[in-house]
Amino acid sequence: MVSSGMRDAGYIYVNIDDSWEDKRDANGVLHTNSKFPDMKALADYVHSKGMKLGIYSGPGPLTCGKYAGSYQHEEQDAKMYAEWGIDYLKYDLCSFRDIMKKEAGDVYGAKAFAMQKAAYEKMHKALLATGRPIVYSLCQYGWNDVWQWGPEVGGNLWRTTGDINDHFDRMEQIGFSQAGLSKYAGPGHWNDPDMLEVGNGGMTGDEYRMHMTLWAILAAPLLAGNDLSKMSPETLAILTNKDVIAVDQDKLGKQGDRVWADGPKELWAKPLSDGAKAVALFNRAPDPKSITLKLSDVGFGSNAKMHDLWSGKDVTATNGSYTVLIPKHGVVLLRVSK
């Protein structure tokens, strides 16, 4: 994280997912397994590097990996996380679905929904009671339009979809399905379309640039899901492009949205804090396509300045339009300003 430049690019959370847990003792204290012999020491080490540490649990008796969840131990676990120095909690619905089904008869109805909200709110209150600021990540796959109620239960981010994987079709399906959710995101509460797959080998460089661009336009949390010890120069360049990250992390906190779509060609725009806009031209087709940006479509006059954030070069419009040939599954990301 440090030697590669990832930390300095802004990736400051090291998040441990499932499988750190062992068993609870007679007092209900959840112990770590042999892979994580001293979580407090690990947190101290991560903090010494200028980073933060995240952990994983869920409201059910078992996590997705069949380890101990936080069911009926919420306050106890939250206090333990705070004592360790944890900065982030991903809370995954998992086996709580079984409790919902048993008590409500299903997992989608009104009673099940109320149980789900109450379970997330319970851990939120437990985290607040510790007095330690801990980012709260809800993971319940976007059920019940979580973007509408996530802030009510203390969520700082919430998964809007099922799991991503390292295939273009799945990334595309998840990413472009976020159209229309922009009004629910803002500083302190974000739509989360799942982690980045950049560098895992299942997509081309152009597809990974599309992935990174779309997540940046969506103001999505950027969670690198690749092996950092085996990054190619191209992977590192995609993940640490400071101009693209600046679009994602812009302090205005506005999520971008689709401006228009014409078959496989799409135009998306994201407002930025200085009055500029990030504008992405996506080619979802399996062959190259020419895409034309009319500056008037994104609220600018014909004299607007444009900078290509992947090539690092300024580009110019002709008569208020900019046309570019984009490779299959490719993207152009522009910063447009007056």
C-alpha atoms as a PDB file:
ATOM      1  CA  MET A   1       0.000   0.000   0.000  1.00  0.00           C
ATOM      2  CA  VAL A   2       2.784   2.420   0.876  1.00  0.00           C
ATOM      3  CA  SER A   3       5.645   1.423  -1.435  1.00  0.00           C
ATOM      4  CA  SER A   4       3.380   1.158  -4.474  1.00  0.00           C
ATOM      5  CA  GLY A   5       2.017   4.682  -3.993  1.00  0.00           C
ATOM      6  CA  MET A   6      -1.527   3.448  -3.336  1.00  0.00           C
ATOM      7  CA  ARG A   7      -1.708   5.095   0.085  1.00  0.00           C
ATOM      8  CA  ASP A   8      -0.498   8.437  -1.235  1.00  0.00           C
ATOM      9  CA  ALA A   9      -3.060   8.196  -4.052  1.00  0.00           C
ATOM     10  CA  GLY A  10      -5.773   8.089  -1.364  1.00  0.00           C
ATOM     11  CA  TYR A  11      -6.331   4.408  -0.606  1.00  0.00           C
ATOM     12  CA  ILE A  12      -6.065   4.618   3.173  1.00  0.00           C
ATOM     13  CA  TYR A  13      -8.380   1.859   4.424  1.00  0.00           C
ATOM     14  CA  VAL A  14      -7.086  -1.698   4.677  1.00  0.00           C
ATOM     15  CA  ASN A  15     -10.274  -3.742   4.997  1.00  0.00           C
ATOM     16  CA  ILE A  16     -10.250  -7.284   6.356  1.00  0.00           C
ATOM     17  CA  ASP A  17     -13.230  -9.187   5.009  1.00  0.00           C
ATOM     18  CA  ASP A  18     -14.693 -12.458   6.298  1.00  0.00           C
ATOM     19  CA  SER A  19     -12.665 -15.304   7.907  1.00  0.00           C
ATOM     20  CA  TRP A  20     -10.761 -13.491  10.671  1.00  0.00           C
ATOM     21  CA  GLU A  21     -13.105 -14.879  13.339  1.00  0.00           C
ATOM     22  CA  ASP A  22     -12.722 -17.892  15.622  1.00  0.00           C
ATOM     23  CA  LYS A  23     -15.154 -18.866  18.425  1.00  0.00           C
ATOM     24  CA  ARG A  24     -16.831 -16.992  21.259  1.00  0.00           C
ATOM     25  CA  ASP A  25     -15.742 -17.871  24.784  1.00  0.00           C
ATOM     26  CA  ALA A  26     -18.013 -18.434  27.811  1.00  0.00           C
ATOM     27  CA  ASN A  27     -18.342 -14.670  28.248  1.00  0.00           C
ATOM     28  CA  GLY A  28     -19.403 -14.160  24.652  1.00  0.00           C
ATOM     29  CA  VAL A  29     -16.119 -12.567  23.622  1.00  0.00           C
ATOM     30  CA  LEU A  30     -15.318 -13.321  19.992  1.00  0.00           C
ATOM     31  CA  HIS A  31     -11.721 -14.384  19.514  1.00  0.00           C
ATOM     32  CA  THR A  32      -9.648 -14.068  16.367  1.00  0.00           C
ATOM     33  CA  ASN A  33      -8.189 -17.112  14.618  1.00  0.00           C
ATOM     34  CA  SER A  34      -4.539 -17.959  14.054  1.00  0.00           C
ATOM     35  CA  LYS A  35      -4.340 -15.806  10.911  1.00  0.00           C
ATOM     36  CA  PHE A  36      -4.969 -12.704  13.035  1.00  0.00           C
ATOM     37  CA  PRO A  37      -3.297 -13.376  16.394  1.00  0.00           C
ATOM     38  CA  ASP A  38      -3.319  -9.762  17.613  1.00  0.00           C
ATOM     39  CA  MET A  39      -5.829  -7.403  16.017  1.00  0.00           C
ATOM     40  CA  LYS A  40      -4.877  -4.462  18.260  1.00  0.00           C
ATOM     41  CA  ALA A  41      -1.224  -4.768  17.216  1.00  0.00           C
ATOM     42  CA  LEU A  42      -2.292  -4.994  13.578  1.00  0.00           C
ATOM     43  CA  ALA A  43      -4.413  -1.842  13.911  1.00  0.00           C
ATOM     44  CA  ASP A  44      -1.525  -0.016  15.569  1.00  0.00           C
ATOM     45  CA  TYR A  45       0.790  -1.050  12.739  1.00  0.00           C
ATOM     46  CA  VAL A  46      -1.669   0.036  10.042  1.00  0.00           C
ATOM     47  CA  HIS A  47      -2.181   3.370  11.828  1.00  0.00           C
ATOM     48  CA  SER A  48       1.600   3.847  12.032  1.00  0.00           C
ATOM     49  CA  LYS A  49       1.655   3.796   8.240  1.00  0.00           C
ATOM     50  CA  GLY A  50      -0.894   6.604   8.028  1.00  0.00           C
ATOM     51  CA  MET A  51      -3.752   4.266   7.155  1.00  0.00           C
ATOM     52  CA  LYS A  52      -6.918   2.901   8.742  1.00  0.00           C
ATOM     53  CA  LEU A  53      -8.192  -0.604   9.428  1.00  0.00           C
ATOM     54  CA  GLY A  54     -11.547  -2.094   8.482  1.00  0.00           C
ATOM     55  CA  ILE A  55     -13.262  -5.273   9.678  1.00  0.00           C
ATOM     56  CA  TYR A  56     -16.229  -7.437   8.710  1.00  0.00           C
ATOM     57  CA  SER A  57     -19.243  -8.905  10.476  1.00  0.00           C
ATOM     58  CA  GLY A  58     -22.991  -9.281  10.042  1.00  0.00           C
ATOM     59  CA  PRO A  59     -26.258  -9.084  11.982  1.00  0.00           C
ATOM     60  CA  GLY A  60     -26.872 -12.846  11.776  1.00  0.00           C
ATOM     61  CA  PRO A  61     -25.475 -15.676  13.919  1.00  0.00           C
ATOM     62  CA  LEU A  62     -23.075 -16.596  11.103  1.00  0.00           C
ATOM     63  CA  THR A  63     -21.222 -14.612   8.448  1.00  0.00           C
ATOM     64  CA  CYS A  64     -21.336 -15.580   4.775  1.00  0.00           C
ATOM     65  CA  GLY A  65     -18.248 -17.727   5.372  1.00  0.00           C
ATOM     66  CA  LYS A  66     -19.972 -19.497   8.295  1.00  0.00           C
ATOM     67  CA  TYR A  67     -17.909 -17.755  10.962  1.00  0.00           C
ATOM     68  CA  ALA A  68     -19.437 -16.132  14.039  1.00  0.00           C
ATOM     69  CA  GLY A  69     -21.615 -13.082  13.289  1.00  0.00           C
ATOM     70  CA  SER A  70     -22.674 -10.355  15.726  1.00  0.00           C
ATOM     71  CA  TYR A  71     -26.242 -11.556  16.406  1.00  0.00           C
ATOM     72  CA  GLN A  72     -27.109 -10.748  20.054  1.00  0.00           C
ATOM     73  CA  HIS A  73     -23.527  -9.536  20.626  1.00  0.00           C
ATOM     74  CA  GLU A  74     -23.725  -6.175  18.855  1.00  0.00           C
ATOM     75  CA  GLU A  75     -22.661  -3.945  21.763  1.00  0.00           C
ATOM     76  CA  GLN A  76     -19.961  -6.390  22.832  1.00  0.00           C
ATOM     77  CA  ASP A  77     -18.475  -6.608  19.342  1.00  0.00           C
ATOM     78  CA  ALA A  78     -18.656  -2.864  18.681  1.00  0.00           C
ATOM     79  CA  LYS A  79     -16.835  -2.167  21.944  1.00  0.00           C
ATOM     80  CA  MET A  80     -14.167  -4.727  20.998  1.00  0.00           C
ATOM     81  CA  TYR A  81     -13.697  -3.132  17.566  1.00  0.00           C
ATOM     82  CA  ALA A  82     -13.248   0.277  19.175  1.00  0.00           C
ATOM     83  CA  GLU A  83     -10.731  -1.109  21.669  1.00  0.00           C
ATOM     84  CA  TRP A  84      -8.753  -2.658  18.827  1.00  0.00           C
ATOM     85  CA  GLY A  85      -8.746   0.657  16.942  1.00  0.00           C
ATOM     86  CA  ILE A  86     -10.980  -0.368  14.051  1.00  0.00           C
ATOM     87  CA  ASP A  87     -12.026   2.454  11.701  1.00  0.00           C
ATOM     88  CA  TYR A  88     -14.509   0.762   9.332  1.00  0.00           C
ATOM     89  CA  LEU A  89     -17.120  -1.992   9.602  1.00  0.00           C
ATOM     90  CA  LYS A  90     -18.678  -3.852   6.691  1.00  0.00           C
ATOM     91  CA  TYR A  91     -21.901  -5.419   7.967  1.00  0.00           C
ATOM     92  CA  ASP A  92     -23.150  -8.205   5.686  1.00  0.00           C
ATOM     93  CA  LEU A  93     -26.746  -9.485   5.907  1.00  0.00           C
ATOM     94  CA  CYS A  94     -25.863 -13.175   5.279  1.00  0.00           C
ATOM     95  CA  SER A  95     -27.506 -15.538   7.796  1.00  0.00           C
ATOM     96  CA  PHE A  96     -29.830 -12.859   9.152  1.00  0.00           C
ATOM     97  CA  ARG A  97     -31.891 -13.740   6.091  1.00  0.00           C
ATOM     98  CA  ASP A  98     -32.668 -17.090   7.773  1.00  0.00           C
ATOM     99  CA  ILE A  99     -33.979 -15.291  10.862  1.00  0.00           C
ATOM    100  CA  MET A 100     -36.096 -13.005   8.687  1.00  0.00           C
ATOM    101  CA  LYS A 101     -37.520 -15.985   6.834  1.00  0.00           C
ATOM    102  CA  LYS A 102     -38.252 -17.873  10.048  1.00  0.00           C
ATOM    103  CA  GLU A 103     -39.940 -14.964  11.832  1.00  0.00           C
ATOM    104  CA  ALA A 104     -41.487 -13.094   8.888  1.00  0.00           C
ATOM    105  CA  GLY A 105     -42.115 -15.982   6.517  1.00  0.00           C
ATOM    106  CA  ASP A 106     -40.059 -14.395   3.721  1.00  0.00           C
ATOM    107  CA  VAL A 107     -37.109 -12.079   3.170  1.00  0.00           C
ATOM    108  CA  TYR A 108     -38.743  -9.364   1.042  1.00  0.00           C
ATOM    109  CA  GLY A 109     -41.993  -8.433   2.791  1.00  0.00           C
ATOM    110  CA  ALA A 110     -42.782  -5.567   5.143  1.00  0.00           C
ATOM    111  CA  LYS A 111     -42.069  -7.499   8.353  1.00  0.00           C
ATOM    112  CA  ALA A 112     -38.745  -8.813   7.059  1.00  0.00           C
ATOM    113  CA  PHE A 113     -37.826  -5.298   5.916  1.00  0.00           C
ATOM    114  CA  ALA A 114     -38.584  -3.885   9.380  1.00  0.00           C
ATOM    115  CA  MET A 115     -36.431  -6.593  10.979  1.00  0.00           C
ATOM    116  CA  GLN A 116     -33.581  -5.831   8.602  1.00  0.00           C
ATOM    117  CA  LYS A 117     -33.689  -2.093   9.315  1.00  0.00           C
ATOM    118  CA  ALA A 118     -33.804  -2.727  13.056  1.00  0.00           C
ATOM    119  CA  ALA A 119     -30.774  -5.042  12.854  1.00  0.00           C
ATOM    120  CA  TYR A 120     -28.699  -2.423  11.038  1.00  0.00           C
ATOM    121  CA  GLU A 121     -29.853   0.332  13.367  1.00  0.00           C
ATOM    122  CA  LYS A 122     -28.912  -1.801  16.389  1.00  0.00           C
ATOM    123  CA  MET A 123     -25.288  -2.050  15.265  1.00  0.00           C
ATOM    124  CA  HIS A 124     -25.277   1.625  14.346  1.00  0.00           C
ATOM    125  CA  LYS A 125     -26.259   2.529  17.918  1.00  0.00           C
ATOM    126  CA  ALA A 126     -23.656   0.130  19.275  1.00  0.00           C
ATOM    127  CA  LEU A 127     -20.945   1.790  17.167  1.00  0.00           C
ATOM    128  CA  LEU A 128     -22.051   5.253  18.278  1.00  0.00           C
ATOM    129  CA  ALA A 129     -21.939   4.177  21.912  1.00  0.00           C
ATOM    130  CA  THR A 130     -18.226   3.386  21.610  1.00  0.00           C
ATOM    131  CA  GLY A 131     -17.410   7.038  20.930  1.00  0.00           C
ATOM    132  CA  ARG A 132     -14.997   6.002  18.191  1.00  0.00           C
ATOM    133  CA  PRO A 133     -15.668   7.208  14.630  1.00  0.00           C
ATOM    134  CA  ILE A 134     -16.194   4.004  12.623  1.00  0.00           C
ATOM    135  CA  VAL A 135     -17.320   4.121   8.994  1.00  0.00           C
ATOM    136  CA  TYR A 136     -20.440   1.947   8.677  1.00  0.00           C
ATOM    137  CA  SER A 137     -20.783  -0.009   5.430  1.00  0.00           C
ATOM    138  CA  LEU A 138     -24.137  -1.713   4.865  1.00  0.00           C
ATOM    139  CA  CYS A 139     -24.043  -4.839   2.728  1.00  0.00           C
ATOM    140  CA  GLN A 140     -27.513  -6.186   1.977  1.00  0.00           C
ATOM    141  CA  TYR A 141     -27.274  -6.228  -1.833  1.00  0.00           C
ATOM    142  CA  GLY A 142     -29.525  -3.225  -2.490  1.00  0.00           C
ATOM    143  CA  TRP A 143     -32.673  -4.899  -1.170  1.00  0.00           C
ATOM    144  CA  ASN A 144     -35.663  -2.705  -0.309  1.00  0.00           C
ATOM    145  CA  ASP A 145     -34.105   0.288  -2.115  1.00  0.00           C
ATOM    146  CA  VAL A 146     -31.509   0.738   0.624  1.00  0.00           C
ATOM    147  CA  TRP A 147     -30.437   4.082  -0.855  1.00  0.00           C
ATOM    148  CA  GLN A 148     -33.733   5.527   0.415  1.00  0.00           C
ATOM    149  CA  TRP A 149     -33.236   4.484   4.059  1.00  0.00           C
ATOM    150  CA  GLY A 150     -29.520   3.772   4.482  1.00  0.00           C
ATOM    151  CA  PRO A 151     -28.840   7.151   6.152  1.00  0.00           C
ATOM    152  CA  GLU A 152     -31.667   6.522   8.664  1.00  0.00           C
ATOM    153  CA  VAL A 153     -29.815   3.540  10.120  1.00  0.00           C
ATOM    154  CA  GLY A 154     -26.448   5.311  10.149  1.00  0.00           C
ATOM    155  CA  GLY A 155     -25.037   3.949   6.906  1.00  0.00           C
ATOM    156  CA  ASN A 156     -22.097   5.844   5.442  1.00  0.00           C
ATOM    157  CA  LEU A 157     -22.195   3.634   2.357  1.00  0.00           C
ATOM    158  CA  TRP A 158     -24.464   0.857   1.214  1.00  0.00           C
ATOM    159  CA  ARG A 159     -24.124  -1.800  -1.434  1.00  0.00           C
ATOM    160  CA  THR A 160     -26.637  -1.142  -4.182  1.00  0.00           C
ATOM    161  CA  THR A 161     -26.158  -4.501  -5.925  1.00  0.00           C
ATOM    162  CA  GLY A 162     -25.182  -8.123  -5.537  1.00  0.00           C
ATOM    163  CA  ASP A 163     -21.512  -9.077  -5.769  1.00  0.00           C
ATOM    164  CA  ILE A 164     -19.317  -7.936  -8.617  1.00  0.00           C
ATOM    165  CA  ASN A 165     -16.856 -10.267 -10.335  1.00  0.00           C
ATOM    166  CA  ASP A 166     -13.956  -9.898 -12.743  1.00  0.00           C
ATOM    167  CA  HIS A 167     -15.943 -10.098 -15.984  1.00  0.00           C
ATOM    168  CA  PHE A 168     -16.929  -7.219 -18.246  1.00  0.00           C
ATOM    169  CA  ASP A 169     -20.586  -8.259 -18.448  1.00  0.00           C
ATOM    170  CA  ARG A 170     -21.021  -8.225 -14.668  1.00  0.00           C
ATOM    171  CA  MET A 171     -19.115  -4.959 -14.172  1.00  0.00           C
ATOM    172  CA  GLU A 172     -21.139  -3.351 -16.954  1.00  0.00           C
ATOM    173  CA  GLN A 173     -24.450  -4.620 -15.580  1.00  0.00           C
ATOM    174  CA  ILE A 174     -23.706  -3.338 -12.079  1.00  0.00           C
ATOM    175  CA  GLY A 175     -22.138  -0.027 -13.044  1.00  0.00           C
ATOM    176  CA  PHE A 176     -24.658   1.183 -15.603  1.00  0.00           C
ATOM    177  CA  SER A 177     -27.599   0.086 -13.426  1.00  0.00           C
ATOM    178  CA  GLN A 178     -26.693   2.939 -11.073  1.00  0.00           C
ATOM    179  CA  ALA A 179     -28.333   5.470 -13.399  1.00  0.00           C
ATOM    180  CA  GLY A 180     -30.962   7.436 -11.507  1.00  0.00           C
ATOM    181  CA  LEU A 181     -29.503   6.938  -8.009  1.00  0.00           C
ATOM    182  CA  SER A 182     -27.460  10.148  -7.920  1.00  0.00           C
ATOM    183  CA  LYS A 183     -29.898  12.050  -5.688  1.00  0.00           C
ATOM    184  CA  TYR A 184     -29.375   9.563  -2.860  1.00  0.00           C
ATOM    185  CA  ALA A 185     -25.614  10.080  -2.563  1.00  0.00           C
ATOM    186  CA  GLY A 186     -23.747  12.911  -0.889  1.00  0.00           C
ATOM    187  CA  PRO A 187     -21.045  13.663   1.670  1.00  0.00           C
ATOM    188  CA  GLY A 188     -21.144  11.032   4.407  1.00  0.00           C
ATOM    189  CA  HIS A 189     -23.539   8.660   2.637  1.00  0.00           C
ATOM    190  CA  TRP A 190     -22.667   6.938  -0.616  1.00  0.00           C
ATOM    191  CA  ASN A 191     -24.025   4.405  -3.081  1.00  0.00           C
ATOM    192  CA  ASP A 192     -21.593   1.473  -3.249  1.00  0.00           C
ATOM    193  CA  PRO A 193     -21.684  -0.670  -6.426  1.00  0.00           C
ATOM    194  CA  ASP A 194     -19.043  -2.999  -4.888  1.00  0.00           C
ATOM    195  CA  MET A 195     -15.276  -3.127  -5.150  1.00  0.00           C
ATOM    196  CA  LEU A 196     -12.959  -2.516  -8.079  1.00  0.00           C
ATOM    197  CA  GLU A 197     -11.787  -5.551 -10.052  1.00  0.00           C
ATOM    198  CA  VAL A 198      -9.010  -3.610 -11.809  1.00  0.00           C
ATOM    199  CA  GLY A 199      -5.928  -5.792 -12.242  1.00  0.00           C
ATOM    200  CA  ASN A 200      -7.476  -9.184 -11.535  1.00  0.00           C
ATOM    201  CA  GLY A 201      -6.959 -10.337 -15.123  1.00  0.00           C
ATOM    202  CA  GLY A 202     -10.482 -10.972 -16.368  1.00  0.00           C
ATOM    203  CA  MET A 203     -10.847  -7.760 -18.376  1.00  0.00           C
ATOM    204  CA  THR A 204      -8.793  -5.747 -20.862  1.00  0.00           C
ATOM    205  CA  GLY A 205      -7.067  -2.482 -20.059  1.00  0.00           C
ATOM    206  CA  ASP A 206      -9.813  -0.558 -21.852  1.00  0.00           C
ATOM    207  CA  GLU A 207     -12.462  -2.391 -19.845  1.00  0.00           C
ATOM    208  CA  TYR A 208     -10.670  -1.650 -16.580  1.00  0.00           C
ATOM    209  CA  ARG A 209     -10.420   2.032 -17.540  1.00  0.00           C
ATOM    210  CA  MET A 210     -14.176   1.982 -18.207  1.00  0.00           C
ATOM    211  CA  HIS A 211     -14.677   0.353 -14.787  1.00  0.00           C
ATOM    212  CA  MET A 212     -12.548   2.953 -12.987  1.00  0.00           C
ATOM    213  CA  THR A 213     -14.139   5.832 -14.926  1.00  0.00           C
ATOM    214  CA  LEU A 214     -17.693   4.720 -14.220  1.00  0.00           C
ATOM    215  CA  TRP A 215     -17.013   4.294 -10.497  1.00  0.00           C
ATOM    216  CA  ALA A 216     -15.407   7.761 -10.409  1.00  0.00           C
ATOM    217  CA  ILE A 217     -18.411   9.340 -12.158  1.00  0.00           C
ATOM    218  CA  LEU A 218     -20.631   7.550  -9.621  1.00  0.00           C
ATOM    219  CA  ALA A 219     -18.665   9.024  -6.687  1.00  0.00           C
ATOM    220  CA  ALA A 220     -18.440   5.400  -5.576  1.00  0.00           C
ATOM    221  CA  PRO A 221     -16.124   4.234  -2.801  1.00  0.00           C
ATOM    222  CA  LEU A 222     -12.922   3.065  -4.482  1.00  0.00           C
ATOM    223  CA  LEU A 223     -12.041  -0.259  -2.872  1.00  0.00           C
ATOM    224  CA  ALA A 224      -9.195  -1.982  -4.695  1.00  0.00           C
ATOM    225  CA  GLY A 225      -9.919  -5.711  -4.890  1.00  0.00           C
ATOM    226  CA  ASN A 226      -6.724  -6.896  -6.574  1.00  0.00           C
ATOM    227  CA  ASP A 227      -3.451  -8.420  -5.349  1.00  0.00           C
ATOM    228  CA  LEU A 228      -1.330  -5.357  -4.615  1.00  0.00           C
ATOM    229  CA  SER A 229       1.873  -7.424  -4.582  1.00  0.00           C
ATOM    230  CA  LYS A 230       1.425  -8.388  -8.250  1.00  0.00           C
ATOM    231  CA  MET A 231       0.334  -5.160  -9.955  1.00  0.00           C
ATOM    232  CA  SER A 232       1.379  -4.494 -13.526  1.00  0.00           C
ATOM    233  CA  PRO A 233       2.409  -0.929 -14.411  1.00  0.00           C
ATOM    234  CA  GLU A 234      -0.905  -0.553 -16.291  1.00  0.00           C
ATOM    235  CA  THR A 235      -2.955  -1.675 -13.267  1.00  0.00           C
ATOM    236  CA  LEU A 236      -1.096   0.714 -10.978  1.00  0.00           C
ATOM    237  CA  ALA A 237      -1.527   3.564 -13.479  1.00  0.00           C
ATOM    238  CA  ILE A 238      -5.285   2.974 -13.662  1.00  0.00           C
ATOM    239  CA  LEU A 239      -5.762   2.737  -9.897  1.00  0.00           C
ATOM    240  CA  THR A 240      -3.571   5.739  -9.049  1.00  0.00           C
ATOM    241  CA  ASN A 241      -4.526   8.206 -11.811  1.00  0.00           C
ATOM    242  CA  LYS A 242      -4.761  11.297  -9.629  1.00  0.00           C
ATOM    243  CA  ASP A 243      -7.066  13.202 -11.985  1.00  0.00           C
ATOM    244  CA  VAL A 244      -9.578  10.340 -12.142  1.00  0.00           C
ATOM    245  CA  ILE A 245      -9.432   9.868  -8.363  1.00  0.00           C
ATOM    246  CA  ALA A 246     -10.015  13.617  -7.958  1.00  0.00           C
ATOM    247  CA  VAL A 247     -13.270  13.248  -9.922  1.00  0.00           C
ATOM    248  CA  ASP A 248     -14.396  10.465  -7.600  1.00  0.00           C
ATOM    249  CA  GLN A 249     -13.334  12.291  -4.441  1.00  0.00           C
ATOM    250  CA  ASP A 250     -14.482  15.792  -5.412  1.00  0.00           C
ATOM    251  CA  LYS A 251     -15.583  17.643  -2.267  1.00  0.00           C
ATOM    252  CA  LEU A 252     -18.944  18.662  -3.726  1.00  0.00           C
ATOM    253  CA  GLY A 253     -19.917  15.023  -3.253  1.00  0.00           C
ATOM    254  CA  LYS A 254     -22.297  14.885  -6.201  1.00  0.00           C
ATOM    255  CA  GLN A 255     -22.799  11.532  -7.887  1.00  0.00           C
ATOM    256  CA  GLY A 256     -22.894  11.732 -11.665  1.00  0.00           C
ATOM    257  CA  ASP A 257     -25.631  10.383 -13.885  1.00  0.00           C
ATOM    258  CA  ARG A 258     -26.460   9.426 -17.465  1.00  0.00           C
ATOM    259  CA  VAL A 259     -27.071  12.390 -19.797  1.00  0.00           C
ATOM    260  CA  TRP A 260     -28.044  10.353 -22.844  1.00  0.00           C
ATOM    261  CA  ALA A 261     -27.703   6.914 -24.371  1.00  0.00           C
ATOM    262  CA  ASP A 262     -27.833   5.876 -28.019  1.00  0.00           C
ATOM    263  CA  GLY A 263     -27.657   2.088 -28.157  1.00  0.00           C
ATOM    264  CA  PRO A 264     -24.253   1.093 -26.778  1.00  0.00           C
ATOM    265  CA  LYS A 265     -23.014   4.705 -26.703  1.00  0.00           C
ATOM    266  CA  GLU A 266     -23.567   6.635 -23.478  1.00  0.00           C
ATOM    267  CA  LEU A 267     -22.719  10.060 -22.095  1.00  0.00           C
ATOM    268  CA  TRP A 268     -22.503  10.605 -18.337  1.00  0.00           C
ATOM    269  CA  ALA A 269     -21.646  13.768 -16.407  1.00  0.00           C
ATOM    270  CA  LYS A 270     -20.686  14.603 -12.820  1.00  0.00           C
ATOM    271  CA  PRO A 271     -20.693  18.161 -11.401  1.00  0.00           C
ATOM    272  CA  LEU A 272     -17.478  19.242  -9.667  1.00  0.00           C
ATOM    273  CA  SER A 273     -16.932  21.713  -6.856  1.00  0.00           C
ATOM    274  CA  ASP A 274     -15.231  24.388  -8.999  1.00  0.00           C
ATOM    275  CA  GLY A 275     -18.053  24.567 -11.553  1.00  0.00           C
ATOM    276  CA  ALA A 276     -16.408  22.150 -13.960  1.00  0.00           C
ATOM    277  CA  LYS A 277     -17.906  18.790 -14.926  1.00  0.00           C
ATOM    278  CA  ALA A 278     -16.425  15.367 -15.452  1.00  0.00           C
ATOM    279  CA  VAL A 279     -17.882  13.998 -18.670  1.00  0.00           C
ATOM    280  CA  ALA A 280     -17.518  10.350 -19.691  1.00  0.00           C
ATOM    281  CA  LEU A 281     -18.120   8.962 -23.178  1.00  0.00           C
ATOM    282  CA  PHE A 282     -18.693   5.217 -22.917  1.00  0.00           C
ATOM    283  CA  ASN A 283     -18.604   2.713 -25.768  1.00  0.00           C
ATOM    284  CA  ARG A 284     -20.320  -0.460 -24.533  1.00  0.00           C
ATOM    285  CA  ALA A 285     -20.230  -2.049 -28.010  1.00  0.00           C
ATOM    286  CA  PRO A 286     -17.941  -4.965 -29.006  1.00  0.00           C
ATOM    287  CA  ASP A 287     -16.446  -2.822 -31.783  1.00  0.00           C
ATOM    288  CA  PRO A 288     -15.064   0.744 -32.042  1.00  0.00           C
ATOM    289  CA  LYS A 289     -17.589   3.589 -32.167  1.00  0.00           C
ATOM    290  CA  SER A 290     -17.404   7.324 -32.822  1.00  0.00           C
ATOM    291  CA  ILE A 291     -19.092   9.323 -30.074  1.00  0.00           C
ATOM    292  CA  THR A 292     -19.851  13.025 -30.290  1.00  0.00           C
ATOM    293  CA  LEU A 293     -20.053  15.266 -27.249  1.00  0.00           C
ATOM    294  CA  LYS A 294     -22.104  18.400 -27.807  1.00  0.00           C
ATOM    295  CA  LEU A 295     -20.927  20.820 -25.158  1.00  0.00           C
ATOM    296  CA  SER A 296     -24.442  22.209 -24.872  1.00  0.00           C
ATOM    297  CA  ASP A 297     -25.608  18.754 -23.676  1.00  0.00           C
ATOM    298  CA  VAL A 298     -23.548  19.198 -20.512  1.00  0.00           C
ATOM    299  CA  GLY A 299     -24.263  22.890 -19.992  1.00  0.00           C
ATOM    300  CA  PHE A 300     -21.238  24.524 -21.596  1.00  0.00           C
ATOM    301  CA  GLY A 301     -20.696  26.944 -24.457  1.00  0.00           C
ATOM    302  CA  SER A 302     -18.577  26.269 -27.515  1.00  0.00           C
ATOM    303  CA  ASN A 303     -15.491  27.883 -25.955  1.00  0.00           C
ATOM    304  CA  ALA A 304     -15.299  25.452 -23.019  1.00  0.00           C
ATOM    305  CA  LYS A 305     -11.924  23.928 -22.135  1.00  0.00           C
ATOM    306  CA  MET A 306     -11.538  20.153 -22.198  1.00  0.00           C
ATOM    307  CA  HIS A 307      -8.835  17.965 -20.700  1.00  0.00           C
ATOM    308  CA  ASP A 308      -8.657  14.213 -21.327  1.00  0.00           C
ATOM    309  CA  LEU A 309      -7.957  12.635 -17.928  1.00  0.00           C
ATOM    310  CA  TRP A 310      -6.628   9.319 -19.244  1.00  0.00           C
ATOM    311  CA  SER A 311      -4.303  10.696 -21.917  1.00  0.00           C
ATOM    312  CA  GLY A 312      -3.415  13.771 -19.863  1.00  0.00           C
ATOM    313  CA  LYS A 313      -3.863  16.016 -22.901  1.00  0.00           C
ATOM    314  CA  ASP A 314      -6.053  19.003 -23.691  1.00  0.00           C
ATOM    315  CA  VAL A 315      -8.534  18.492 -26.511  1.00  0.00           C
ATOM    316  CA  THR A 316     -10.600  21.018 -28.449  1.00  0.00           C
ATOM    317  CA  ALA A 317     -14.146  21.209 -29.752  1.00  0.00           C
ATOM    318  CA  THR A 318     -15.166  22.249 -33.242  1.00  0.00           C
ATOM    319  CA  ASN A 319     -18.340  24.315 -33.481  1.00  0.00           C
ATOM    320  CA  GLY A 320     -19.275  23.246 -29.955  1.00  0.00           C
ATOM    321  CA  SER A 321     -18.782  19.517 -30.584  1.00  0.00           C
ATOM    322  CA  TYR A 322     -16.050  16.984 -29.917  1.00  0.00           C
ATOM    323  CA  THR A 323     -16.023  13.652 -31.762  1.00  0.00           C
ATOM    324  CA  VAL A 324     -13.715  10.804 -30.849  1.00  0.00           C
ATOM    325  CA  LEU A 325     -13.322   7.182 -31.968  1.00  0.00           C
ATOM    326  CA  ILE A 326     -13.471   4.975 -28.889  1.00  0.00           C
ATOM    327  CA  PRO A 327     -12.288   1.348 -28.904  1.00  0.00           C
ATOM    328  CA  LYS A 328     -14.642  -1.488 -28.002  1.00  0.00           C
ATOM    329  CA  HIS A 329     -15.589  -1.428 -24.315  1.00  0.00           C
ATOM    330  CA  GLY A 330     -13.609   1.791 -24.050  1.00  0.00           C
ATOM    331  CA  VAL A 331     -14.090   5.237 -22.556  1.00  0.00           C
ATOM    332  CA  VAL A 332     -12.945   8.832 -22.782  1.00  0.00           C
ATOM    333  CA  LEU A 333     -13.093  10.887 -19.575  1.00  0.00           C
ATOM    334  CA  LEU A 334     -12.993  14.667 -19.949  1.00  0.00           C
ATOM    335  CA  ARG A 335     -12.815  17.493 -17.473  1.00  0.00           C
ATOM    336  CA  VAL A 336     -14.883  20.283 -19.005  1.00  0.00           C
ATOM    337  CA  SER A 337     -14.645  23.837 -17.677  1.00  0.00           C
ATOM    338  CA  LYS A 338     -15.374  27.409 -18.767  1.00  0.00           C
END
